[in-house]
PDB file of N, CA and C in Angstrom:
ATOM      1  N   UNK A   1       0.836  -1.184   0.000  1.00  0.00           N
ATOM      2  CA  UNK A   1       0.000   0.000   0.000  1.00  0.00           C
ATOM      3  C   UNK A   1       0.880   1.246   0.000  1.00  0.00           C
ATOM      4  N   UNK A   2       0.445   2.253  -0.686  1.00  0.00           N
ATOM      5  CA  UNK A   2       1.189   3.504  -0.822  1.00  0.00           C
ATOM      6  C   UNK A   2       0.662   4.494   0.221  1.00  0.00           C
ATOM      7  N   UNK A   3       1.558   5.056   1.000  1.00  0.00           N
ATOM      8  CA  UNK A   3       1.140   5.959   2.075  1.00  0.00           C
ATOM      9  C   UNK A   3       0.703   7.318   1.532  1.00  0.00           C
ATOM     10  N   UNK A   4      -0.144   7.974   2.297  1.00  0.00           N
ATOM     11  CA  UNK A   4      -0.625   9.298   1.913  1.00  0.00           C
ATOM     12  C   UNK A   4       0.518  10.314   1.914  1.00  0.00           C
ATOM     13  N   UNK A   5       1.475  10.157   2.815  1.00  0.00           N
ATOM     14  CA  UNK A   5       2.627  11.064   2.852  1.00  0.00           C
ATOM     15  C   UNK A   5       3.403  11.009   1.539  1.00  0.00           C
ATOM     16  N   UNK A   6       3.566   9.810   1.000  1.00  0.00           N
ATOM     17  CA  UNK A   6       4.259   9.658  -0.276  1.00  0.00           C
ATOM     18  C   UNK A   6       3.434  10.250  -1.412  1.00  0.00           C
ATOM     19  N   UNK A   7       2.140  10.008  -1.419  1.00  0.00           N
ATOM     20  CA  UNK A   7       1.270  10.557  -2.462  1.00  0.00           C
ATOM     21  C   UNK A   7       1.295  12.085  -2.473  1.00  0.00           C
ATOM     22  N   UNK A   8       1.437  12.672  -1.295  1.00  0.00           N
ATOM     23  CA  UNK A   8       1.446  14.135  -1.191  1.00  0.00           C
ATOM     24  C   UNK A   8       2.656  14.779  -1.870  1.00  0.00           C
ATOM     25  N   UNK A   9       3.759  14.046  -1.992  1.00  0.00           N
ATOM     26  CA  UNK A   9       4.953  14.642  -2.599  1.00  0.00           C
ATOM     27  C   UNK A   9       5.206  14.179  -4.035  1.00  0.00           C
ATOM     28  N   UNK A  10       4.517  13.121  -4.468  1.00  0.00           N
ATOM     29  CA  UNK A  10       4.719  12.620  -5.827  1.00  0.00           C
ATOM     30  C   UNK A  10       3.896  13.401  -6.843  1.00  0.00           C
ATOM     31  N   UNK A  11       4.407  13.465  -8.066  1.00  0.00           N
ATOM     32  CA  UNK A  11       3.694  14.104  -9.175  1.00  0.00           C
ATOM     33  C   UNK A  11       3.920  13.261 -10.421  1.00  0.00           C
ATOM     34  N   UNK A  12       3.033  13.389 -11.366  1.00  0.00           N
ATOM     35  CA  UNK A  12       3.162  12.682 -12.636  1.00  0.00           C
ATOM     36  C   UNK A  12       4.453  13.143 -13.322  1.00  0.00           C
ATOM     37  N   UNK A  13       5.302  12.217 -13.748  1.00  0.00           N
ATOM     38  CA  UNK A  13       6.557  12.610 -14.394  1.00  0.00           C
ATOM     39  C   UNK A  13       6.359  13.239 -15.777  1.00  0.00           C
ATOM     40  N   UNK A  14       5.188  13.074 -16.366  1.00  0.00           N
ATOM     41  CA  UNK A  14       4.933  13.622 -17.703  1.00  0.00           C
ATOM     42  C   UNK A  14       4.389  15.045 -17.621  1.00  0.00           C
ATOM     43  N   UNK A  15       3.291  15.234 -16.887  1.00  0.00           N
ATOM     44  CA  UNK A  15       2.638  16.550 -16.871  1.00  0.00           C
ATOM     45  C   UNK A  15       2.825  17.315 -15.556  1.00  0.00           C
ATOM     46  N   UNK A  16       3.477  16.673 -14.579  1.00  0.00           N
ATOM     47  CA  UNK A  16       3.814  17.293 -13.285  1.00  0.00           C
ATOM     48  C   UNK A  16       2.601  17.625 -12.415  1.00  0.00           C
ATOM     49  N   UNK A  17       1.460  17.005 -12.671  1.00  0.00           N
ATOM     50  CA  UNK A  17       0.247  17.208 -11.868  1.00  0.00           C
ATOM     51  C   UNK A  17       0.195  16.162 -10.755  1.00  0.00           C
ATOM     52  N   UNK A  18      -0.602  16.405  -9.709  1.00  0.00           N
ATOM     53  CA  UNK A  18      -0.698  15.446  -8.599  1.00  0.00           C
ATOM     54  C   UNK A  18      -1.278  14.104  -9.058  1.00  0.00           C
ATOM     55  N   UNK A  19      -0.906  13.054  -8.339  1.00  0.00           N
ATOM     56  CA  UNK A  19      -1.434  11.727  -8.618  1.00  0.00           C
ATOM     57  C   UNK A  19      -2.305  11.279  -7.454  1.00  0.00           C
ATOM     58  N   UNK A  20      -3.202  10.337  -7.718  1.00  0.00           N
ATOM     59  CA  UNK A  20      -4.080   9.817  -6.680  1.00  0.00           C
ATOM     60  C   UNK A  20      -4.018   8.297  -6.672  1.00  0.00           C
ATOM     61  N   UNK A  21      -4.300   7.741  -5.523  1.00  0.00           N
ATOM     62  CA  UNK A  21      -4.312   6.291  -5.357  1.00  0.00           C
ATOM     63  C   UNK A  21      -5.580   5.736  -5.992  1.00  0.00           C
ATOM     64  N   UNK A  22      -5.445   4.670  -6.769  1.00  0.00           N
ATOM     65  CA  UNK A  22      -6.607   4.031  -7.388  1.00  0.00           C
ATOM     66  C   UNK A  22      -7.276   3.095  -6.398  1.00  0.00           C
ATOM     67  N   UNK A  23      -8.460   2.627  -6.746  1.00  0.00           N
ATOM     68  CA  UNK A  23      -9.242   1.759  -5.864  1.00  0.00           C
ATOM     69  C   UNK A  23      -8.515   0.471  -5.498  1.00  0.00           C
ATOM     70  N   UNK A  24      -7.679  -0.041  -6.405  1.00  0.00           N
ATOM     71  CA  UNK A  24      -6.966  -1.297  -6.118  1.00  0.00           C
ATOM     72  C   UNK A  24      -5.861  -1.110  -5.079  1.00  0.00           C
ATOM     73  N   UNK A  25      -5.558   0.139  -4.750  1.00  0.00           N
ATOM     74  CA  UNK A  25      -4.541   0.513  -3.757  1.00  0.00           C
ATOM     75  C   UNK A  25      -3.140   0.022  -4.118  1.00  0.00           C
ATOM     76  N   UNK A  26      -2.943  -0.390  -5.357  1.00  0.00           N
ATOM     77  CA  UNK A  26      -1.640  -0.863  -5.823  1.00  0.00           C
ATOM     78  C   UNK A  26      -1.108  -0.031  -6.983  1.00  0.00           C
ATOM     79  N   UNK A  27      -1.875   0.944  -7.430  1.00  0.00           N
ATOM     80  CA  UNK A  27      -1.433   1.790  -8.534  1.00  0.00           C
ATOM     81  C   UNK A  27      -1.925   3.210  -8.299  1.00  0.00           C
ATOM     82  N   UNK A  28      -1.320   4.141  -9.012  1.00  0.00           N
ATOM     83  CA  UNK A  28      -1.707   5.547  -8.910  1.00  0.00           C
ATOM     84  C   UNK A  28      -2.069   6.066 -10.293  1.00  0.00           C
ATOM     85  N   UNK A  29      -2.880   7.124 -10.322  1.00  0.00           N
ATOM     86  CA  UNK A  29      -3.340   7.681 -11.590  1.00  0.00           C
ATOM     87  C   UNK A  29      -3.205   9.193 -11.565  1.00  0.00           C
ATOM     88  N   UNK A  30      -2.805   9.734 -12.694  1.00  0.00           N
ATOM     89  CA  UNK A  30      -2.757  11.185 -12.868  1.00  0.00           C
ATOM     90  C   UNK A  30      -4.125  11.639 -13.366  1.00  0.00           C
ATOM     91  N   UNK A  31      -4.710  12.587 -12.696  1.00  0.00           N
ATOM     92  CA  UNK A  31      -6.023  13.089 -13.091  1.00  0.00           C
ATOM     93  C   UNK A  31      -5.989  13.930 -14.350  1.00  0.00           C
ATOM     94  N   UNK A  32      -4.839  14.462 -14.686  1.00  0.00           N
ATOM     95  CA  UNK A  32      -4.701  15.339 -15.851  1.00  0.00           C
ATOM     96  C   UNK A  32      -4.502  14.543 -17.147  1.00  0.00           C
ATOM     97  N   UNK A  33      -3.475  13.733 -17.211  1.00  0.00           N
ATOM     98  CA  UNK A  33      -3.160  13.008 -18.454  1.00  0.00           C
ATOM     99  C   UNK A  33      -3.654  11.563 -18.435  1.00  0.00           C
ATOM    100  N   UNK A  34      -4.252  11.121 -17.314  1.00  0.00           N
ATOM    101  CA  UNK A  34      -4.872   9.802 -17.140  1.00  0.00           C
ATOM    102  C   UNK A  34      -3.891   8.635 -17.204  1.00  0.00           C
ATOM    103  N   UNK A  35      -2.607   8.888 -17.013  1.00  0.00           N
ATOM    104  CA  UNK A  35      -1.636   7.795 -16.979  1.00  0.00           C
ATOM    105  C   UNK A  35      -1.743   7.048 -15.653  1.00  0.00           C
ATOM    106  N   UNK A  36      -1.651   5.732 -15.741  1.00  0.00           N
ATOM    107  CA  UNK A  36      -1.705   4.876 -14.561  1.00  0.00           C
ATOM    108  C   UNK A  36      -0.330   4.258 -14.374  1.00  0.00           C
ATOM    109  N   UNK A  37       0.209   4.434 -13.184  1.00  0.00           N
ATOM    110  CA  UNK A  37       1.519   3.893 -12.829  1.00  0.00           C
ATOM    111  C   UNK A  37       1.304   2.750 -11.850  1.00  0.00           C
ATOM    112  N   UNK A  38       1.808   1.577 -12.187  1.00  0.00           N
ATOM    113  CA  UNK A  38       1.580   0.373 -11.388  1.00  0.00           C
ATOM    114  C   UNK A  38       2.682   0.166 -10.356  1.00  0.00           C
ATOM    115  N   UNK A  39       2.343  -0.630  -9.375  1.00  0.00           N
ATOM    116  CA  UNK A  39       3.293  -1.043  -8.355  1.00  0.00           C
ATOM    117  C   UNK A  39       3.646  -2.499  -8.624  1.00  0.00           C
ATOM    118  N   UNK A  40       4.929  -2.807  -8.568  1.00  0.00           N
ATOM    119  CA  UNK A  40       5.391  -4.168  -8.801  1.00  0.00           C
ATOM    120  C   UNK A  40       6.247  -4.595  -7.614  1.00  0.00           C
ATOM    121  N   UNK A  41       5.862  -5.663  -6.967  1.00  0.00           N
ATOM    122  CA  UNK A  41       6.565  -6.167  -5.782  1.00  0.00           C
ATOM    123  C   UNK A  41       6.687  -5.094  -4.697  1.00  0.00           C
ATOM    124  N   UNK A  42       5.646  -4.277  -4.573  1.00  0.00           N
ATOM    125  CA  UNK A  42       5.627  -3.246  -3.546  1.00  0.00           C
ATOM    126  C   UNK A  42       6.384  -1.979  -3.889  1.00  0.00           C
ATOM    127  N   UNK A  43       6.908  -1.889  -5.121  1.00  0.00           N
ATOM    128  CA  UNK A  43       7.666  -0.714  -5.551  1.00  0.00           C
ATOM    129  C   UNK A  43       6.897  -0.002  -6.658  1.00  0.00           C
ATOM    130  N   UNK A  44       6.607   1.266  -6.451  1.00  0.00           N
ATOM    131  CA  UNK A  44       5.866   2.055  -7.428  1.00  0.00           C
ATOM    132  C   UNK A  44       6.750   2.362  -8.625  1.00  0.00           C
ATOM    133  N   UNK A  45       6.284   2.023  -9.805  1.00  0.00           N
ATOM    134  CA  UNK A  45       7.022   2.237 -11.051  1.00  0.00           C
ATOM    135  C   UNK A  45       6.493   3.510 -11.712  1.00  0.00           C
ATOM    136  N   UNK A  46       7.257   4.588 -11.634  1.00  0.00           N
ATOM    137  CA  UNK A  46       6.831   5.877 -12.188  1.00  0.00           C
ATOM    138  C   UNK A  46       7.500   6.186 -13.522  1.00  0.00           C
ATOM    139  N   UNK A  47       7.871   5.166 -14.273  1.00  0.00           N
ATOM    140  CA  UNK A  47       8.460   5.384 -15.597  1.00  0.00           C
ATOM    141  C   UNK A  47       7.358   5.678 -16.610  1.00  0.00           C
ATOM    142  N   UNK A  48       7.469   6.791 -17.297  1.00  0.00           N
ATOM    143  CA  UNK A  48       6.440   7.211 -18.252  1.00  0.00           C
ATOM    144  C   UNK A  48       6.272   6.202 -19.388  1.00  0.00           C
ATOM    145  N   UNK A  49       7.353   5.568 -19.797  1.00  0.00           N
ATOM    146  CA  UNK A  49       7.289   4.598 -20.891  1.00  0.00           C
ATOM    147  C   UNK A  49       6.502   3.353 -20.528  1.00  0.00           C
ATOM    148  N   UNK A  50       6.383   3.047 -19.263  1.00  0.00           N
ATOM    149  CA  UNK A  50       5.678   1.844 -18.825  1.00  0.00           C
ATOM    150  C   UNK A  50       4.281   2.146 -18.279  1.00  0.00           C
ATOM    151  N   UNK A  51       3.875   3.399 -18.283  1.00  0.00           N
ATOM    152  CA  UNK A  51       2.549   3.784 -17.811  1.00  0.00           C
ATOM    153  C   UNK A  51       1.496   3.406 -18.857  1.00  0.00           C
ATOM    154  N   UNK A  52       0.292   3.179 -18.380  1.00  0.00           N
ATOM    155  CA  UNK A  52      -0.847   2.859 -19.244  1.00  0.00           C
ATOM    156  C   UNK A  52      -1.814   4.029 -19.174  1.00  0.00           C
ATOM    157  N   UNK A  53      -2.334   4.448 -20.312  1.00  0.00           N
ATOM    158  CA  UNK A  53      -3.311   5.545 -20.316  1.00  0.00           C
ATOM    159  C   UNK A  53      -4.705   4.964 -20.145  1.00  0.00           C
ATOM    160  N   UNK A  54      -5.375   5.403 -19.091  1.00  0.00           N
ATOM    161  CA  UNK A  54      -6.730   4.934 -18.770  1.00  0.00           C
ATOM    162  C   UNK A  54      -7.726   5.680 -19.659  1.00  0.00           C
ATOM    163  N   UNK A  55      -8.559   4.960 -20.419  1.00  0.00           N
ATOM    164  CA  UNK A  55      -9.496   5.641 -21.321  1.00  0.00           C
ATOM    165  C   UNK A  55     -10.615   6.381 -20.583  1.00  0.00           C
ATOM    166  N   UNK A  56     -10.861   6.043 -19.312  1.00  0.00           N
ATOM    167  CA  UNK A  56     -11.957   6.684 -18.576  1.00  0.00           C
ATOM    168  C   UNK A  56     -11.499   7.869 -17.773  1.00  0.00           C
TER     169      UNK A  56
END
């Protein structure tokens, strides 16, 4: 699980907007560009090349 303290300081590496925790509590999403960054083995992967764009 990603702590709120960490979410407060992280930003999307592409558009620099704040990110939010998704319902699955294992990934984060940028509200601006809709990129979803997944967590793998408990480590958040914030690489733009590996992000998925959420159509919704």
